Each structure stands twice: as C-alpha cells, then as structure tokens.
Amino acid sequence: VTPTDADLQAACKTAYDQCMQATPQATQKQCQQDATCTATVGEAEACYAAGLKQGVELMKSMPSCDKITMQSLQPEDAGTSTTAQEPAECTAVSSKCPNWTTVAAIY
C-alpha cells in the first residue's frame, strides 16, 4: 500500500506533536583534547557557527506538515546527494584536525 499525502501529513503532525510535548533531555559530554588538532579556537567556532547556520537554513527549507507531499520528499538531484556539504569555514579545521566531526556531519 502506497501512503498518500494525507497519510504523510498525519504522520508528520503526530511526530511533530510528540516532539513538542517531550521534555528536553540534557546531555553531558566531556571535551577531550586531541593532540593532533592544530586548529585555533576561532577556526573551530567559525566552523560550528557556519554548520549551525546551515542546519537552520535546511530546517527553514522544509515544508510544514500541512504542506508536505510525497513528491516533496523526492530528491531534486535523483538521489545523488544524501548529505549536507561541509561549510567552507570548516575546511581549515577538517584539514588541521583529523578527528574533527563537523556540524554538517550530524545531519
């Protein structure tokens, strides 16, 4: 059975409502120094800021639940691109820090 746009919209609204009702869970991560990383704090901050901005723009480009359709879920590039591109601000950090995980990698 192929889902309809109405099915998709209902599932989206259910997921959205559940997310909005959930209590945020705090997580605690420990920072560990990477002796092989030579990037500056400023370079890392610029990378994270660019990655977060990229994420916000991605979210803004997504249709709301009442506008989402099966067609809107089809990749415009026929599936050739599955991940966000690393922001230019992250190039230096990625090259200087082999264990770096960019914000873009999270998406």
C-alpha atoms as a PDB file:
ATOM      1  CA  VAL A   1       0.000   0.000   0.000  1.00  0.00           C
ATOM      2  CA  THR A   2       1.429   3.334  -1.068  1.00  0.00           C
ATOM      3  CA  PRO A   3       0.930   6.076   1.514  1.00  0.00           C
ATOM      4  CA  THR A   4      -0.996   9.139   0.431  1.00  0.00           C
ATOM      5  CA  ASP A   5      -0.149  12.778   1.040  1.00  0.00           C
ATOM      6  CA  ALA A   6      -2.810  12.775   3.780  1.00  0.00           C
ATOM      7  CA  ASP A   7      -1.108   9.776   5.448  1.00  0.00           C
ATOM      8  CA  LEU A   8       2.234  11.535   5.307  1.00  0.00           C
ATOM      9  CA  GLN A   9       0.798  14.780   6.678  1.00  0.00           C
ATOM     10  CA  ALA A  10      -0.896  12.945   9.550  1.00  0.00           C
ATOM     11  CA  ALA A  11       2.298  11.062  10.440  1.00  0.00           C
ATOM     12  CA  CYS A  12       4.283  14.303  10.281  1.00  0.00           C
ATOM     13  CA  LYS A  13       1.825  16.089  12.588  1.00  0.00           C
ATOM     14  CA  THR A  14       1.856  13.191  15.054  1.00  0.00           C
ATOM     15  CA  ALA A  15       5.659  13.173  15.164  1.00  0.00           C
ATOM     16  CA  TYR A  16       5.775  16.961  15.478  1.00  0.00           C
ATOM     17  CA  ASP A  17       3.215  16.992  18.312  1.00  0.00           C
ATOM     18  CA  GLN A  18       5.087  14.255  20.185  1.00  0.00           C
ATOM     19  CA  CYS A  19       8.354  16.116  19.783  1.00  0.00           C
ATOM     20  CA  MET A  20       6.873  19.380  21.022  1.00  0.00           C
ATOM     21  CA  GLN A  21       5.350  17.665  24.077  1.00  0.00           C
ATOM     22  CA  ALA A  22       8.550  15.838  25.008  1.00  0.00           C
ATOM     23  CA  THR A  23      10.651  17.137  27.851  1.00  0.00           C
ATOM     24  CA  PRO A  24      14.102  18.074  26.568  1.00  0.00           C
ATOM     25  CA  GLN A  25      16.791  15.825  27.941  1.00  0.00           C
ATOM     26  CA  ALA A  26      20.060  17.414  28.929  1.00  0.00           C
ATOM     27  CA  THR A  27      23.134  15.574  27.832  1.00  0.00           C
ATOM     28  CA  GLN A  28      26.558  15.980  29.247  1.00  0.00           C
ATOM     29  CA  LYS A  29      29.553  15.439  27.033  1.00  0.00           C
ATOM     30  CA  GLN A  30      33.117  15.699  28.048  1.00  0.00           C
ATOM     31  CA  CYS A  31      35.525  17.537  25.856  1.00  0.00           C
ATOM     32  CA  GLN A  32      38.709  15.683  25.189  1.00  0.00           C
ATOM     33  CA  GLN A  33      41.754  17.342  23.783  1.00  0.00           C
ATOM     34  CA  ASP A  34      43.098  15.990  20.533  1.00  0.00           C
ATOM     35  CA  ALA A  35      46.855  16.448  20.467  1.00  0.00           C
ATOM     36  CA  THR A  36      46.842  16.115  16.679  1.00  0.00           C
ATOM     37  CA  CYS A  37      44.467  19.069  16.215  1.00  0.00           C
ATOM     38  CA  THR A  38      46.204  22.330  15.360  1.00  0.00           C
ATOM     39  CA  ALA A  39      43.157  24.463  14.556  1.00  0.00           C
ATOM     40  CA  THR A  40      42.565  27.569  16.602  1.00  0.00           C
ATOM     41  CA  VAL A  41      39.556  28.101  18.822  1.00  0.00           C
ATOM     42  CA  GLY A  42      38.459  30.842  16.434  1.00  0.00           C
ATOM     43  CA  GLU A  43      38.557  28.449  13.479  1.00  0.00           C
ATOM     44  CA  ALA A  44      36.524  25.872  15.407  1.00  0.00           C
ATOM     45  CA  GLU A  45      33.978  28.492  16.488  1.00  0.00           C
ATOM     46  CA  ALA A  46      33.610  29.745  12.898  1.00  0.00           C
ATOM     47  CA  CYS A  47      33.058  26.185  11.685  1.00  0.00           C
ATOM     48  CA  TYR A  48      30.409  25.404  14.291  1.00  0.00           C
ATOM     49  CA  ALA A  49      28.623  28.711  13.680  1.00  0.00           C
ATOM     50  CA  ALA A  50      28.552  28.046   9.926  1.00  0.00           C
ATOM     51  CA  GLY A  51      27.329  24.490  10.485  1.00  0.00           C
ATOM     52  CA  LEU A  52      24.546  25.627  12.786  1.00  0.00           C
ATOM     53  CA  LYS A  53      23.513  28.314  10.288  1.00  0.00           C
ATOM     54  CA  GLN A  54      23.456  25.654   7.582  1.00  0.00           C
ATOM     55  CA  GLY A  55      21.207  23.489   9.763  1.00  0.00           C
ATOM     56  CA  VAL A  56      18.799  26.355  10.403  1.00  0.00           C
ATOM     57  CA  GLU A  57      18.585  27.080   6.673  1.00  0.00           C
ATOM     58  CA  LEU A  58      17.935  23.393   5.991  1.00  0.00           C
ATOM     59  CA  MET A  59      15.088  23.345   8.515  1.00  0.00           C
ATOM     60  CA  LYS A  60      13.599  26.536   7.067  1.00  0.00           C
ATOM     61  CA  SER A  61      13.554  24.952   3.615  1.00  0.00           C
ATOM     62  CA  MET A  62      11.472  22.002   4.795  1.00  0.00           C
ATOM     63  CA  PRO A  63       7.714  22.192   4.251  1.00  0.00           C
ATOM     64  CA  SER A  64       5.376  22.295   7.241  1.00  0.00           C
ATOM     65  CA  CYS A  65       3.370  19.159   7.974  1.00  0.00           C
ATOM     66  CA  ASP A  66       0.254  20.514   6.270  1.00  0.00           C
ATOM     67  CA  LYS A  67       2.247  21.268   3.099  1.00  0.00           C
ATOM     68  CA  ILE A  68       4.381  18.127   2.877  1.00  0.00           C
ATOM     69  CA  THR A  69       3.650  15.764  -0.005  1.00  0.00           C
ATOM     70  CA  MET A  70       5.092  12.513  -1.280  1.00  0.00           C
ATOM     71  CA  GLN A  71       6.530  14.480  -4.199  1.00  0.00           C
ATOM     72  CA  SER A  72       8.269  16.927  -1.858  1.00  0.00           C
ATOM     73  CA  LEU A  73      10.201  14.016  -0.361  1.00  0.00           C
ATOM     74  CA  GLN A  74      11.759  13.097  -3.693  1.00  0.00           C
ATOM     75  CA  PRO A  75      15.321  14.354  -4.017  1.00  0.00           C
ATOM     76  CA  GLU A  76      15.715  17.041  -6.635  1.00  0.00           C
ATOM     77  CA  ASP A  77      19.007  15.524  -7.679  1.00  0.00           C
ATOM     78  CA  ALA A  78      17.673  11.979  -8.225  1.00  0.00           C
ATOM     79  CA  GLY A  79      19.332  10.799  -5.026  1.00  0.00           C
ATOM     80  CA  THR A  80      22.898  11.723  -5.928  1.00  0.00           C
ATOM     81  CA  SER A  81      23.334  13.908  -2.848  1.00  0.00           C
ATOM     82  CA  THR A  82      22.483  12.451   0.541  1.00  0.00           C
ATOM     83  CA  THR A  83      24.417  14.656   2.936  1.00  0.00           C
ATOM     84  CA  ALA A  84      24.931  18.348   3.540  1.00  0.00           C
ATOM     85  CA  GLN A  85      28.137  19.825   2.209  1.00  0.00           C
ATOM     86  CA  GLU A  86      30.697  20.896   4.755  1.00  0.00           C
ATOM     87  CA  PRO A  87      30.669  24.688   5.175  1.00  0.00           C
ATOM     88  CA  ALA A  88      33.713  26.449   3.717  1.00  0.00           C
ATOM     89  CA  GLU A  89      34.512  27.693   7.236  1.00  0.00           C
ATOM     90  CA  CYS A  90      35.228  24.083   8.230  1.00  0.00           C
ATOM     91  CA  THR A  91      37.866  23.335   5.599  1.00  0.00           C
ATOM     92  CA  ALA A  92      40.771  24.555   7.715  1.00  0.00           C
ATOM     93  CA  VAL A  93      39.557  22.752  10.818  1.00  0.00           C
ATOM     94  CA  SER A  94      38.986  19.489   8.960  1.00  0.00           C
ATOM     95  CA  SER A  95      42.466  19.610   7.473  1.00  0.00           C
ATOM     96  CA  LYS A  96      44.123  20.520  10.779  1.00  0.00           C
ATOM     97  CA  CYS A  97      42.106  18.116  12.958  1.00  0.00           C
ATOM     98  CA  PRO A  98      41.786  14.565  11.600  1.00  0.00           C
ATOM     99  CA  ASN A  99      39.299  13.525  14.311  1.00  0.00           C
ATOM    100  CA  TRP A 100      37.034  16.578  13.890  1.00  0.00           C
ATOM    101  CA  THR A 101      33.310  15.998  13.425  1.00  0.00           C
ATOM    102  CA  THR A 102      31.619  18.928  11.750  1.00  0.00           C
ATOM    103  CA  VAL A 103      28.091  20.027  12.468  1.00  0.00           C
ATOM    104  CA  ALA A 104      27.250  19.129   8.862  1.00  0.00           C
ATOM    105  CA  ALA A 105      28.220  15.511   9.545  1.00  0.00           C
ATOM    106  CA  ILE A 106      25.434  15.306  12.104  1.00  0.00           C
ATOM    107  CA  TYR A 107      22.736  15.944   9.529  1.00  0.00           C
END
